Amino acid sequence: MQFSQVKEEIKSVDFEATRTDCDNYFEAVVVKEEVSNLNERLQKFLGEPAWPSKNRLGFKVQEAVKGFGGIMPGQTLYFKSEGENAIFAMLWPWKDGVRTTLKVIQK
C-alpha cells in the first residue's frame, strides 16, 4: 500500500479546504455531506476504523497518533501498519456539526 494511492483516492472527495498536501502528510476540511464518501474511501485502503472500538488501541498506534494530537471520543481513527511503515487517518469533527478535519499521515 502506497501513501500516494491513498491520497489520490481521497482527493476525489469534495473538500471545503485543503490545508496541507505533502509527500507524507495530507490535511483537509470536509463538510458533513461528504464524510460518508470519505469514510468509504478510507476503508477501501485502511480497513475498518481502529477507533472508535471496544478494544484498546495498541501501544504502537497510540505512539504514532500522539504526535498529531492523539485521538479522543467522538473522533475516528483508521490505522494500517505494514512492518515499520504505517498509514493512518484521523477525522476530527468540529463543534459546529458541519465540518470535519481530516489528517492522513505516513509514518
Protein backbone atom coordinates (compact mmCIF):
# COMPACT_ATOMS: atom_id res chain seq x y z
CA MET A 1 0.00 0.00 0.00
CA GLN A 2 1.38 3.37 -1.02
CA PHE A 3 0.57 6.67 0.67
CA SER A 4 0.23 8.28 -2.76
CA GLN A 5 -2.53 5.80 -3.69
CA VAL A 6 -4.48 6.55 -0.51
CA LYS A 7 -4.05 10.28 -1.05
CA GLU A 8 -5.20 10.16 -4.68
CA GLU A 9 -8.28 8.12 -3.72
CA ILE A 10 -9.38 10.58 -1.04
CA LYS A 11 -8.71 13.59 -3.26
CA SER A 12 -11.80 12.63 -5.25
CA VAL A 13 -13.83 13.77 -2.21
CA ASP A 14 -15.16 17.31 -2.42
CA PHE A 15 -13.16 19.13 0.29
CA GLU A 16 -14.11 22.55 1.59
CA ALA A 17 -10.41 23.37 2.01
CA THR A 18 -7.06 21.63 1.64
CA ARG A 19 -4.62 22.76 4.33
CA THR A 20 -1.52 20.64 3.63
CA ASP A 21 -0.57 18.31 0.78
CA CYS A 22 2.92 16.84 1.19
CA ASP A 23 4.66 13.53 0.40
CA ASN A 24 3.72 12.00 3.77
CA TYR A 25 1.00 14.27 5.19
CA PHE A 26 -2.37 15.46 3.93
CA GLU A 27 -4.80 17.67 5.85
CA ALA A 28 -8.15 18.99 4.66
CA VAL A 29 -11.59 20.05 5.84
CA VAL A 30 -14.67 18.20 4.63
CA VAL A 31 -18.34 19.08 5.12
CA LYS A 32 -20.85 16.72 6.72
CA GLU A 33 -22.40 15.61 3.41
CA GLU A 34 -19.04 14.23 2.21
CA VAL A 35 -17.99 12.36 5.38
CA SER A 36 -19.60 9.03 4.39
CA ASN A 37 -17.93 9.24 0.96
CA LEU A 38 -14.61 9.90 2.69
CA ASN A 39 -15.09 7.00 5.12
CA GLU A 40 -15.79 4.60 2.23
CA ARG A 41 -12.56 5.60 0.52
CA LEU A 42 -10.50 5.32 3.70
CA GLN A 43 -11.94 1.87 4.47
CA LYS A 44 -11.03 0.70 0.98
CA PHE A 45 -7.32 1.14 1.79
CA LEU A 46 -7.09 1.13 5.59
CA GLY A 47 -9.89 -1.24 6.64
CA GLU A 48 -12.38 -0.70 9.44
CA PRO A 49 -11.72 2.12 11.92
CA ALA A 50 -9.33 1.32 14.78
CA TRP A 51 -11.24 3.90 16.83
CA PRO A 52 -13.95 4.06 17.98
CA SER A 53 -13.71 0.47 19.05
CA LYS A 54 -14.48 -1.67 22.05
CA ASN A 55 -10.80 -2.66 22.03
CA ARG A 56 -7.99 -0.53 23.41
CA LEU A 57 -5.56 0.97 20.95
CA GLY A 58 -2.21 -0.82 20.87
CA PHE A 59 0.94 0.93 22.08
CA LYS A 60 2.31 1.35 18.53
CA VAL A 61 -0.91 3.03 17.42
CA GLN A 62 -1.05 5.30 20.47
CA GLU A 63 2.55 6.40 19.96
CA ALA A 64 2.00 7.08 16.26
CA VAL A 65 -1.05 9.32 16.76
CA LYS A 66 0.20 11.10 19.89
CA GLY A 67 2.43 13.44 17.89
CA PHE A 68 -0.54 14.55 15.78
CA GLY A 69 -2.91 15.44 18.59
CA GLY A 70 -3.98 11.96 19.69
CA ILE A 71 -7.47 10.56 19.38
CA MET A 72 -10.42 11.34 21.62
CA PRO A 73 -14.08 10.30 21.96
CA GLY A 74 -16.14 11.48 19.00
CA GLN A 75 -13.19 11.21 16.63
CA THR A 76 -12.37 8.43 14.16
CA LEU A 77 -9.03 6.73 13.52
CA TYR A 78 -8.05 4.45 10.66
CA PHE A 79 -4.69 2.73 11.06
CA LYS A 80 -2.84 0.28 8.84
CA SER A 81 0.65 -0.95 9.56
CA GLU A 82 2.94 -2.92 7.28
CA GLY A 83 6.21 -3.70 9.03
CA GLU A 84 7.80 -0.46 10.21
CA ASN A 85 5.60 1.68 7.97
CA ALA A 86 2.16 2.89 8.97
CA ILE A 87 -0.52 4.99 7.35
CA PHE A 88 -3.26 6.44 9.48
CA ALA A 89 -6.15 8.83 9.06
CA MET A 90 -7.83 10.85 11.78
CA LEU A 91 -11.21 12.53 11.44
CA TRP A 92 -11.93 15.28 13.94
CA PRO A 93 -15.50 16.65 13.81
CA TRP A 94 -15.88 20.35 14.56
CA LYS A 95 -18.22 21.61 17.23
CA ASP A 96 -20.29 23.34 14.52
CA GLY A 97 -21.61 19.90 13.46
CA VAL A 98 -20.90 20.72 9.82
CA ARG A 99 -17.15 20.37 9.24
CA THR A 100 -14.58 17.65 9.95
CA THR A 101 -10.81 17.95 9.78
CA LEU A 102 -9.05 15.03 8.06
CA LYS A 103 -5.40 14.23 8.71
CA VAL A 104 -3.73 11.42 6.75
CA ILE A 105 -0.17 10.57 7.74
CA GLN A 106 2.51 8.13 6.63
CA LYS A 107 4.95 7.34 9.41
